[in-house]
Amino acid sequence: MNYQKPKLEKRYYSIGELAEMFKVSKSLIRFWEAEFSYLQAHKNAKGERRFTQKNIEQFSLVYHLVKERGFTLEGAKKEIENNKTRLQQKIQMIEKLQNIKDRLLDIKKDL
């Protein structure tokens, strides 16, 4: 994955934090939220979006399909609808492998 997965330090993340994690614009997040009904963030009393870890995982799936694999939005919707569980497992495996790679690079630095 090409983003920094957050440590579970917080319950909610702002749209700015999500944009920074994925290196995308806030407007893209709002656009995808409108296009993908399951990406709905929670809103606080002021109407500000608050993203949970589950929202981040959902966004990660859309990001993977659209930005990394080149799906159109319609294609991504169909892929999610048809293969949601398999895709989520694949994303989780990629994240685990990225974490292992990062740890190995840290070890290499210390040698």
C-alpha atoms as a PDB file:
ATOM      1  CA  MET A   1       0.000   0.000   0.000  1.00  0.00           C
ATOM      2  CA  ASN A   2       1.208   3.497  -0.671  1.00  0.00           C
ATOM      3  CA  TYR A   3      -0.096   5.064   2.499  1.00  0.00           C
ATOM      4  CA  GLN A   4       0.871   5.170   6.142  1.00  0.00           C
ATOM      5  CA  LYS A   5      -1.583   3.079   8.119  1.00  0.00           C
ATOM      6  CA  PRO A   6      -2.221   4.783  11.443  1.00  0.00           C
ATOM      7  CA  LYS A   7      -1.512   3.151  14.747  1.00  0.00           C
ATOM      8  CA  LEU A   8      -4.715   2.643  16.673  1.00  0.00           C
ATOM      9  CA  GLU A   9      -4.031   5.605  18.902  1.00  0.00           C
ATOM     10  CA  LYS A  10      -7.279   7.422  18.275  1.00  0.00           C
ATOM     11  CA  ARG A  11     -10.896   6.495  17.891  1.00  0.00           C
ATOM     12  CA  TYR A  12     -11.565   9.015  15.108  1.00  0.00           C
ATOM     13  CA  TYR A  13      -9.465  10.669  12.415  1.00  0.00           C
ATOM     14  CA  SER A  14     -10.237  13.925  10.637  1.00  0.00           C
ATOM     15  CA  ILE A  15     -10.581  14.248   6.883  1.00  0.00           C
ATOM     16  CA  GLY A  16      -7.220  16.046   6.861  1.00  0.00           C
ATOM     17  CA  GLU A  17      -5.540  13.148   8.640  1.00  0.00           C
ATOM     18  CA  LEU A  18      -7.100  10.674   6.204  1.00  0.00           C
ATOM     19  CA  ALA A  19      -5.957  12.803   3.256  1.00  0.00           C
ATOM     20  CA  GLU A  20      -2.434  12.863   4.681  1.00  0.00           C
ATOM     21  CA  MET A  21      -2.381   9.075   5.252  1.00  0.00           C
ATOM     22  CA  PHE A  22      -3.276   8.361   1.641  1.00  0.00           C
ATOM     23  CA  LYS A  23      -1.635  11.436   0.110  1.00  0.00           C
ATOM     24  CA  VAL A  24      -4.882  12.494  -1.580  1.00  0.00           C
ATOM     25  CA  SER A  25      -6.950  15.666  -1.463  1.00  0.00           C
ATOM     26  CA  LYS A  26      -9.836  16.223   0.913  1.00  0.00           C
ATOM     27  CA  SER A  27     -12.079  16.836  -2.094  1.00  0.00           C
ATOM     28  CA  LEU A  28     -11.269  13.347  -3.430  1.00  0.00           C
ATOM     29  CA  ILE A  29     -12.275  11.850  -0.085  1.00  0.00           C
ATOM     30  CA  ARG A  30     -15.574  13.759  -0.163  1.00  0.00           C
ATOM     31  CA  PHE A  31     -16.134  12.712  -3.781  1.00  0.00           C
ATOM     32  CA  TRP A  32     -15.504   9.027  -3.057  1.00  0.00           C
ATOM     33  CA  GLU A  33     -17.711   9.277   0.005  1.00  0.00           C
ATOM     34  CA  ALA A  34     -20.538  10.450  -2.264  1.00  0.00           C
ATOM     35  CA  GLU A  35     -19.823   7.724  -4.844  1.00  0.00           C
ATOM     36  CA  PHE A  36     -19.405   4.773  -2.453  1.00  0.00           C
ATOM     37  CA  SER A  37     -22.323   4.613  -0.019  1.00  0.00           C
ATOM     38  CA  TYR A  38     -20.460   2.413   2.445  1.00  0.00           C
ATOM     39  CA  LEU A  39     -17.726   5.054   2.948  1.00  0.00           C
ATOM     40  CA  GLN A  40     -19.970   7.268   5.072  1.00  0.00           C
ATOM     41  CA  ALA A  41     -17.957   8.908   7.845  1.00  0.00           C
ATOM     42  CA  HIS A  42     -19.427   9.838  11.184  1.00  0.00           C
ATOM     43  CA  LYS A  43     -20.068  13.526  11.689  1.00  0.00           C
ATOM     44  CA  ASN A  44     -19.678  15.416  14.942  1.00  0.00           C
ATOM     45  CA  ALA A  45     -22.030  18.125  16.219  1.00  0.00           C
ATOM     46  CA  LYS A  46     -20.296  20.691  13.988  1.00  0.00           C
ATOM     47  CA  GLY A  47     -20.795  18.483  10.926  1.00  0.00           C
ATOM     48  CA  GLU A  48     -17.091  17.640  10.623  1.00  0.00           C
ATOM     49  CA  ARG A  49     -16.305  14.208   9.252  1.00  0.00           C
ATOM     50  CA  ARG A  50     -14.738  11.716  11.664  1.00  0.00           C
ATOM     51  CA  PHE A  51     -13.334   8.500  10.241  1.00  0.00           C
ATOM     52  CA  THR A  52     -13.098   5.309  12.290  1.00  0.00           C
ATOM     53  CA  GLN A  53     -10.586   2.538  11.706  1.00  0.00           C
ATOM     54  CA  LYS A  54     -13.310   0.668   9.798  1.00  0.00           C
ATOM     55  CA  ASN A  55     -13.857   3.725   7.557  1.00  0.00           C
ATOM     56  CA  ILE A  56     -10.104   3.847   6.925  1.00  0.00           C
ATOM     57  CA  GLU A  57     -10.084   0.166   5.935  1.00  0.00           C
ATOM     58  CA  GLN A  58     -13.022   0.784   3.586  1.00  0.00           C
ATOM     59  CA  PHE A  59     -11.282   3.800   2.073  1.00  0.00           C
ATOM     60  CA  SER A  60      -8.135   1.701   1.712  1.00  0.00           C
ATOM     61  CA  LEU A  61     -10.057  -0.817  -0.379  1.00  0.00           C
ATOM     62  CA  VAL A  62     -11.360   1.863  -2.739  1.00  0.00           C
ATOM     63  CA  TYR A  63      -7.896   3.470  -2.899  1.00  0.00           C
ATOM     64  CA  HIS A  64      -6.318   0.110  -3.781  1.00  0.00           C
ATOM     65  CA  LEU A  65      -8.771  -0.574  -6.574  1.00  0.00           C
ATOM     66  CA  VAL A  66      -8.874   2.899  -8.101  1.00  0.00           C
ATOM     67  CA  LYS A  67      -5.393   4.315  -7.522  1.00  0.00           C
ATOM     68  CA  GLU A  68      -3.225   1.197  -7.463  1.00  0.00           C
ATOM     69  CA  ARG A  69      -5.068  -1.160  -9.786  1.00  0.00           C
ATOM     70  CA  GLY A  70      -6.577   1.433 -12.133  1.00  0.00           C
ATOM     71  CA  PHE A  71     -10.250   0.525 -11.813  1.00  0.00           C
ATOM     72  CA  THR A  72     -12.902   3.009 -12.856  1.00  0.00           C
ATOM     73  CA  LEU A  73     -15.305   4.012 -10.099  1.00  0.00           C
ATOM     74  CA  GLU A  74     -18.023   1.805 -11.593  1.00  0.00           C
ATOM     75  CA  GLY A  75     -15.570  -1.065 -11.932  1.00  0.00           C
ATOM     76  CA  ALA A  76     -14.462  -0.631  -8.327  1.00  0.00           C
ATOM     77  CA  LYS A  77     -18.085  -0.651  -7.144  1.00  0.00           C
ATOM     78  CA  LYS A  78     -18.749  -3.904  -8.994  1.00  0.00           C
ATOM     79  CA  GLU A  79     -15.512  -5.466  -7.754  1.00  0.00           C
ATOM     80  CA  ILE A  80     -16.335  -4.551  -4.150  1.00  0.00           C
ATOM     81  CA  GLU A  81     -19.871  -5.857  -4.506  1.00  0.00           C
ATOM     82  CA  ASN A  82     -18.719  -9.174  -5.997  1.00  0.00           C
ATOM     83  CA  ASN A  83     -15.503  -9.809  -4.057  1.00  0.00           C
ATOM     84  CA  LYS A  84     -15.582  -7.714  -0.878  1.00  0.00           C
ATOM     85  CA  THR A  85     -14.308 -10.382   1.550  1.00  0.00           C
ATOM     86  CA  ARG A  86     -11.502 -11.550  -0.732  1.00  0.00           C
ATOM     87  CA  LEU A  87     -10.412  -7.977  -1.418  1.00  0.00           C
ATOM     88  CA  GLN A  88     -10.372  -7.083   2.293  1.00  0.00           C
ATOM     89  CA  GLN A  89      -8.223 -10.147   3.010  1.00  0.00           C
ATOM     90  CA  LYS A  90      -5.853  -9.156   0.224  1.00  0.00           C
ATOM     91  CA  ILE A  91      -5.542  -5.600   1.584  1.00  0.00           C
ATOM     92  CA  GLN A  92      -4.832  -6.951   5.081  1.00  0.00           C
ATOM     93  CA  MET A  93      -2.126  -9.261   3.720  1.00  0.00           C
ATOM     94  CA  ILE A  94      -0.494  -6.416   1.792  1.00  0.00           C
ATOM     95  CA  GLU A  95      -0.481  -4.293   4.954  1.00  0.00           C
ATOM     96  CA  LYS A  96       1.094  -7.117   6.988  1.00  0.00           C
ATOM     97  CA  LEU A  97       3.779  -7.604   4.343  1.00  0.00           C
ATOM     98  CA  GLN A  98       4.464  -3.847   4.301  1.00  0.00           C
ATOM     99  CA  ASN A  99       4.861  -3.890   8.091  1.00  0.00           C
ATOM    100  CA  ILE A 100       7.309  -6.807   7.851  1.00  0.00           C
ATOM    101  CA  LYS A 101       9.256  -4.978   5.146  1.00  0.00           C
ATOM    102  CA  ASP A 102       9.409  -1.836   7.292  1.00  0.00           C
ATOM    103  CA  ARG A 103      10.678  -3.824  10.289  1.00  0.00           C
ATOM    104  CA  LEU A 104      13.309  -5.559   8.174  1.00  0.00           C
ATOM    105  CA  LEU A 105      14.500  -2.210   6.818  1.00  0.00           C
ATOM    106  CA  ASP A 106      14.763  -0.915  10.397  1.00  0.00           C
ATOM    107  CA  ILE A 107      16.839  -3.955  11.359  1.00  0.00           C
ATOM    108  CA  LYS A 108      19.055  -3.477   8.311  1.00  0.00           C
ATOM    109  CA  LYS A 109      19.634   0.160   9.321  1.00  0.00           C
ATOM    110  CA  ASP A 110      20.773  -0.933  12.777  1.00  0.00           C
ATOM    111  CA  LEU A 111      23.365  -3.378  11.409  1.00  0.00           C
END
